[in-house]
Protein backbone atom coordinates (compact mmCIF):
# COMPACT_ATOMS: atom_id res chain seq x y z
CA UNK A 1 -175.36 12.98 135.81
CA UNK A 2 -173.67 16.32 135.90
CA UNK A 3 -175.01 19.84 135.87
CA UNK A 4 -173.72 20.10 132.30
CA UNK A 5 -175.90 17.13 131.31
CA UNK A 6 -178.93 18.76 132.91
CA UNK A 7 -178.28 22.02 131.06
CA UNK A 8 -177.74 20.16 127.77
CA UNK A 9 -181.04 18.29 128.19
CA UNK A 10 -182.94 21.51 128.96
CA UNK A 11 -181.62 23.20 125.81
CA UNK A 12 -184.30 21.39 123.80
CA UNK A 13 -186.85 23.82 125.27
CA UNK A 14 -184.99 26.77 123.71
CA UNK A 15 -185.10 28.87 126.88
CA UNK A 16 -182.22 30.51 128.73
CA UNK A 17 -180.85 28.46 131.64
CA UNK A 18 -179.30 30.03 134.73
CA UNK A 19 -177.65 28.56 137.80
CA UNK A 20 -178.29 29.81 141.35
CA UNK A 21 -179.09 33.50 140.72
CA UNK A 22 -180.78 35.40 137.91
CA UNK A 23 -179.95 39.08 137.79
CA UNK A 24 -182.51 41.51 136.41
CA UNK A 25 -180.07 42.76 133.76
CA UNK A 26 -179.72 39.19 132.42
CA UNK A 27 -183.42 38.87 131.66
CA UNK A 28 -184.60 39.72 128.16
CA UNK A 29 -188.01 38.15 128.76
CA UNK A 30 -189.64 36.17 131.52
CA UNK A 31 -189.33 32.71 129.99
CA UNK A 32 -186.35 30.80 131.34
CA UNK A 33 -185.11 28.07 133.67
CA UNK A 34 -182.89 28.37 136.69
CA UNK A 35 -181.66 25.69 139.02
CA UNK A 36 -179.96 25.36 142.38
CA UNK A 37 -178.31 22.49 144.19
CA UNK A 38 -178.79 21.39 147.80
CA UNK A 39 -176.00 20.22 150.04
CA UNK A 40 -174.98 16.60 149.61
CA UNK A 41 -176.46 14.18 152.14
CA UNK A 42 -175.75 10.54 152.93
CA UNK A 43 -178.39 7.87 153.44
CA UNK A 44 -178.04 4.09 153.37
CA UNK A 45 -174.37 4.33 152.31
CA UNK A 46 -175.23 6.48 149.26
CA UNK A 47 -174.81 10.18 148.67
CA UNK A 48 -177.73 12.25 147.34
CA UNK A 49 -178.31 15.78 146.18
CA UNK A 50 -181.51 17.65 145.34
CA UNK A 51 -181.73 19.86 142.29
CA UNK A 52 -184.41 22.54 142.37
CA UNK A 53 -185.45 23.46 138.85
CA UNK A 54 -187.64 26.54 138.39
CA UNK A 55 -189.45 27.23 135.14
CA UNK A 56 -190.33 30.91 134.84
CA UNK A 57 -193.07 31.40 132.30
CA UNK A 58 -194.73 34.51 131.02
CA UNK A 59 -196.21 32.93 127.91
CA UNK A 60 -196.90 29.28 128.77
CA UNK A 61 -199.53 29.59 131.48
CA UNK A 62 -200.84 26.18 132.64
CA UNK A 63 -199.20 24.16 129.91
CA UNK A 64 -199.38 20.75 131.61
CA UNK A 65 -197.94 18.94 128.60
CA UNK A 66 -194.80 21.04 128.69
CA UNK A 67 -194.52 20.40 132.42
CA UNK A 68 -194.69 16.65 131.77
CA UNK A 69 -192.09 16.99 129.01
CA UNK A 70 -189.74 18.83 131.39
CA UNK A 71 -190.15 16.13 134.05
CA UNK A 72 -189.60 13.31 131.54
CA UNK A 73 -186.54 15.05 130.11
CA UNK A 74 -184.87 15.35 133.51
CA UNK A 75 -185.89 11.87 134.68
CA UNK A 76 -184.29 10.35 131.55
CA UNK A 77 -180.98 11.56 133.00
CA UNK A 78 -181.48 9.40 136.08
CA UNK A 79 -182.85 12.02 138.46
CA UNK A 80 -186.10 11.31 140.29
CA UNK A 81 -188.91 13.83 140.79
CA UNK A 82 -189.21 14.45 144.51
CA UNK A 83 -192.80 15.33 145.42
CA UNK A 84 -195.16 17.66 143.61
CA UNK A 85 -194.34 20.79 141.68
CA UNK A 86 -194.89 24.08 143.48
CA UNK A 87 -196.72 26.73 141.47
CA UNK A 88 -196.28 30.39 142.25
CA UNK A 89 -196.09 33.77 140.55
CA UNK A 90 -194.45 37.14 140.96
CA UNK A 91 -195.12 40.63 139.72
CA UNK A 92 -192.91 42.01 136.97
CA UNK A 93 -191.05 45.10 138.12
CA UNK A 94 -192.81 48.41 137.48
CA UNK A 95 -195.90 46.75 135.96
CA UNK A 96 -199.19 45.19 137.01
CA UNK A 97 -198.33 41.98 135.09
CA UNK A 98 -197.57 38.66 136.72
CA UNK A 99 -195.28 35.81 135.72
CA UNK A 100 -195.92 32.14 136.56
CA UNK A 101 -193.32 29.86 138.09
CA UNK A 102 -193.16 26.12 138.59
CA UNK A 103 -190.57 24.65 140.93
CA UNK A 104 -189.71 20.98 140.51
CA UNK A 105 -187.31 19.21 142.85
CA UNK A 106 -185.34 16.23 141.60
CA UNK A 107 -182.97 13.96 143.52
CA UNK A 108 -179.80 12.52 142.08
CA UNK A 109 -177.38 9.94 143.40
CA UNK A 110 -173.82 11.22 143.64
CA UNK A 111 -171.37 8.64 142.36
CA UNK A 112 -167.68 8.74 143.20
């Protein structure tokens, strides 16, 4: 599965999707995805790569069903959830409001 397939699958959530870096001027609200890729590694004659997917959520606090839907959507592409999600939050610039984040790491096999 390619990055394009991941992005296409995430479009069903109707949130912006960014790769690697999100610049402040790109953000219209704090509800979006961004993802990064790890370096490729080899194990047991296969190549693997981790994809870190972060869901930034200002309006969906603790929506476990949406979290499950995100995981199922990505796993249908052939990636495997690697461990537990990591919850965090950050403060919006120049405010006293906080935004939730959920980081999910998936592993994919790289095929030649």
